Amino acid sequence: MSVLDLLAEANIPVVASVGADENGAAYSVNVDTVAGELAAATGAEKIIRLTDGMTPKVTAARKALESGVASTHMVDDRVEHAVLLEILTDAGCGARVTA
């Protein structure tokens, strides 16, 4: 399926890109932020993200578990005191993976 086919079906593909400021300095544009804002602005029904960004985290967690680590935890750094909540509460604050 081509980009034109996606657009014809009211799908809007968003890809990672690089922008430039008024002085010509390059910067990375966060594609997740753009996709979320675009979906909100257009009243989208759904966002589908194709990504392998979690692969290094999951691979590292698996390696640790296979090496005898009892559990691994992925916490959201946007949550205030997330690490303390994970360490000091029974409920935790994130995704826990155990062997």
C-alpha atoms as a PDB file:
ATOM      1  CA  MET A   1       0.000   0.000   0.000  1.00  0.00           C
ATOM      2  CA  SER A   2       1.417   3.377  -0.961  1.00  0.00           C
ATOM      3  CA  VAL A   3       1.265   6.648   0.950  1.00  0.00           C
ATOM      4  CA  LEU A   4      -1.323   7.861  -1.563  1.00  0.00           C
ATOM      5  CA  ASP A   5      -3.481   4.807  -0.829  1.00  0.00           C
ATOM      6  CA  LEU A   6      -3.247   5.561   2.910  1.00  0.00           C
ATOM      7  CA  LEU A   7      -4.243   9.181   2.371  1.00  0.00           C
ATOM      8  CA  ALA A   8      -7.154   8.164   0.128  1.00  0.00           C
ATOM      9  CA  GLU A   9      -8.509   6.078   3.023  1.00  0.00           C
ATOM     10  CA  ALA A  10      -8.161   9.034   5.455  1.00  0.00           C
ATOM     11  CA  ASN A  11      -5.029   7.580   7.044  1.00  0.00           C
ATOM     12  CA  ILE A  12      -2.203  10.011   7.724  1.00  0.00           C
ATOM     13  CA  PRO A  13       1.282   8.478   7.859  1.00  0.00           C
ATOM     14  CA  VAL A  14       3.694  10.281  10.196  1.00  0.00           C
ATOM     15  CA  VAL A  15       7.401   9.523   9.971  1.00  0.00           C
ATOM     16  CA  ALA A  16      10.387  10.662  11.987  1.00  0.00           C
ATOM     17  CA  SER A  17      12.016  13.759  10.616  1.00  0.00           C
ATOM     18  CA  VAL A  18      14.488  16.520  11.260  1.00  0.00           C
ATOM     19  CA  GLY A  19      13.511  20.175  11.563  1.00  0.00           C
ATOM     20  CA  ALA A  20      15.460  23.405  11.598  1.00  0.00           C
ATOM     21  CA  ASP A  21      15.080  26.517  13.701  1.00  0.00           C
ATOM     22  CA  GLU A  22      15.212  30.108  12.460  1.00  0.00           C
ATOM     23  CA  ASN A  23      19.032  30.051  12.638  1.00  0.00           C
ATOM     24  CA  GLY A  24      19.293  26.876  10.563  1.00  0.00           C
ATOM     25  CA  ALA A  25      20.259  24.634  13.498  1.00  0.00           C
ATOM     26  CA  ALA A  26      18.933  21.111  12.982  1.00  0.00           C
ATOM     27  CA  TYR A  27      16.891  19.290  15.606  1.00  0.00           C
ATOM     28  CA  SER A  28      15.009  16.014  15.788  1.00  0.00           C
ATOM     29  CA  VAL A  29      11.222  16.127  15.643  1.00  0.00           C
ATOM     30  CA  ASN A  30       9.649  13.634  18.050  1.00  0.00           C
ATOM     31  CA  VAL A  31       7.354  11.588  15.830  1.00  0.00           C
ATOM     32  CA  ASP A  32       5.281  10.334  18.780  1.00  0.00           C
ATOM     33  CA  THR A  33       4.517  13.896  19.843  1.00  0.00           C
ATOM     34  CA  VAL A  34       3.614  14.887  16.279  1.00  0.00           C
ATOM     35  CA  ALA A  35       1.370  11.834  15.818  1.00  0.00           C
ATOM     36  CA  GLY A  36      -0.432  12.503  19.105  1.00  0.00           C
ATOM     37  CA  GLU A  37      -0.982  16.169  18.354  1.00  0.00           C
ATOM     38  CA  LEU A  38      -2.119  15.393  14.806  1.00  0.00           C
ATOM     39  CA  ALA A  39      -4.555  12.743  16.040  1.00  0.00           C
ATOM     40  CA  ALA A  40      -5.970  15.138  18.625  1.00  0.00           C
ATOM     41  CA  ALA A  41      -6.307  17.974  16.121  1.00  0.00           C
ATOM     42  CA  THR A  42      -8.070  15.821  13.526  1.00  0.00           C
ATOM     43  CA  GLY A  43     -10.283  13.833  15.913  1.00  0.00           C
ATOM     44  CA  ALA A  44      -8.643  10.581  14.868  1.00  0.00           C
ATOM     45  CA  GLU A  45     -10.224   7.275  15.812  1.00  0.00           C
ATOM     46  CA  LYS A  46      -6.915   5.484  16.295  1.00  0.00           C
ATOM     47  CA  ILE A  47      -3.119   5.800  16.279  1.00  0.00           C
ATOM     48  CA  ILE A  48      -1.012   2.841  15.177  1.00  0.00           C
ATOM     49  CA  ARG A  49       2.691   3.034  15.956  1.00  0.00           C
ATOM     50  CA  LEU A  50       5.203   0.822  14.211  1.00  0.00           C
ATOM     51  CA  THR A  51       8.300   0.865  16.370  1.00  0.00           C
ATOM     52  CA  ASP A  52      11.135  -1.250  17.633  1.00  0.00           C
ATOM     53  CA  GLY A  53      12.134   1.322  20.277  1.00  0.00           C
ATOM     54  CA  MET A  54      11.266  -0.993  23.165  1.00  0.00           C
ATOM     55  CA  THR A  55      13.445  -3.781  21.777  1.00  0.00           C
ATOM     56  CA  PRO A  56      16.657  -2.730  23.582  1.00  0.00           C
ATOM     57  CA  LYS A  57      14.792  -2.413  26.896  1.00  0.00           C
ATOM     58  CA  VAL A  58      13.086  -5.773  26.554  1.00  0.00           C
ATOM     59  CA  THR A  59      16.314  -7.438  25.386  1.00  0.00           C
ATOM     60  CA  ALA A  60      18.198  -6.040  28.392  1.00  0.00           C
ATOM     61  CA  ALA A  61      15.430  -7.170  30.757  1.00  0.00           C
ATOM     62  CA  ARG A  62      15.453 -10.660  29.256  1.00  0.00           C
ATOM     63  CA  LYS A  63      19.250 -10.908  29.541  1.00  0.00           C
ATOM     64  CA  ALA A  64      19.079  -9.840  33.194  1.00  0.00           C
ATOM     65  CA  LEU A  65      16.326 -12.345  33.980  1.00  0.00           C
ATOM     66  CA  GLU A  66      18.160 -15.168  32.194  1.00  0.00           C
ATOM     67  CA  SER A  67      21.246 -14.297  34.257  1.00  0.00           C
ATOM     68  CA  GLY A  68      19.406 -14.691  37.549  1.00  0.00           C
ATOM     69  CA  VAL A  69      18.031 -11.226  38.288  1.00  0.00           C
ATOM     70  CA  ALA A  70      14.721 -11.767  40.102  1.00  0.00           C
ATOM     71  CA  SER A  71      12.730  -9.012  38.387  1.00  0.00           C
ATOM     72  CA  THR A  72      13.052  -6.015  36.109  1.00  0.00           C
ATOM     73  CA  HIS A  73      10.903  -2.895  36.189  1.00  0.00           C
ATOM     74  CA  MET A  74      10.100  -0.274  33.600  1.00  0.00           C
ATOM     75  CA  VAL A  75       8.714   2.923  35.119  1.00  0.00           C
ATOM     76  CA  ASP A  76       7.346   6.063  33.521  1.00  0.00           C
ATOM     77  CA  ASP A  77       9.719   8.947  34.195  1.00  0.00           C
ATOM     78  CA  ARG A  78       6.847  11.413  33.801  1.00  0.00           C
ATOM     79  CA  VAL A  79       5.218  10.124  36.991  1.00  0.00           C
ATOM     80  CA  GLU A  80       6.342  12.142  39.989  1.00  0.00           C
ATOM     81  CA  HIS A  81       8.442  10.028  42.384  1.00  0.00           C
ATOM     82  CA  ALA A  82       8.062   6.967  40.110  1.00  0.00           C
ATOM     83  CA  VAL A  83      11.234   5.265  41.313  1.00  0.00           C
ATOM     84  CA  LEU A  84      10.298   5.770  44.971  1.00  0.00           C
ATOM     85  CA  LEU A  85       6.800   4.436  44.291  1.00  0.00           C
ATOM     86  CA  GLU A  86       8.316   1.389  42.601  1.00  0.00           C
ATOM     87  CA  ILE A  87      10.767   0.734  45.428  1.00  0.00           C
ATOM     88  CA  LEU A  88       8.689   1.641  48.477  1.00  0.00           C
ATOM     89  CA  THR A  89       5.145   0.496  47.670  1.00  0.00           C
ATOM     90  CA  ASP A  90       3.630  -2.939  47.186  1.00  0.00           C
ATOM     91  CA  ALA A  91       1.701  -1.798  44.109  1.00  0.00           C
ATOM     92  CA  GLY A  92       4.777  -0.401  42.352  1.00  0.00           C
ATOM     93  CA  CYS A  93       4.617   2.054  39.509  1.00  0.00           C
ATOM     94  CA  GLY A  94       5.242   0.507  36.118  1.00  0.00           C
ATOM     95  CA  ALA A  95       5.689  -2.774  34.305  1.00  0.00           C
ATOM     96  CA  ARG A  96       7.299  -5.598  36.283  1.00  0.00           C
ATOM     97  CA  VAL A  97       8.769  -8.583  34.473  1.00  0.00           C
ATOM     98  CA  THR A  98       9.852 -11.690  36.364  1.00  0.00           C
ATOM     99  CA  ALA A  99      11.443 -14.982  35.356  1.00  0.00           C
END
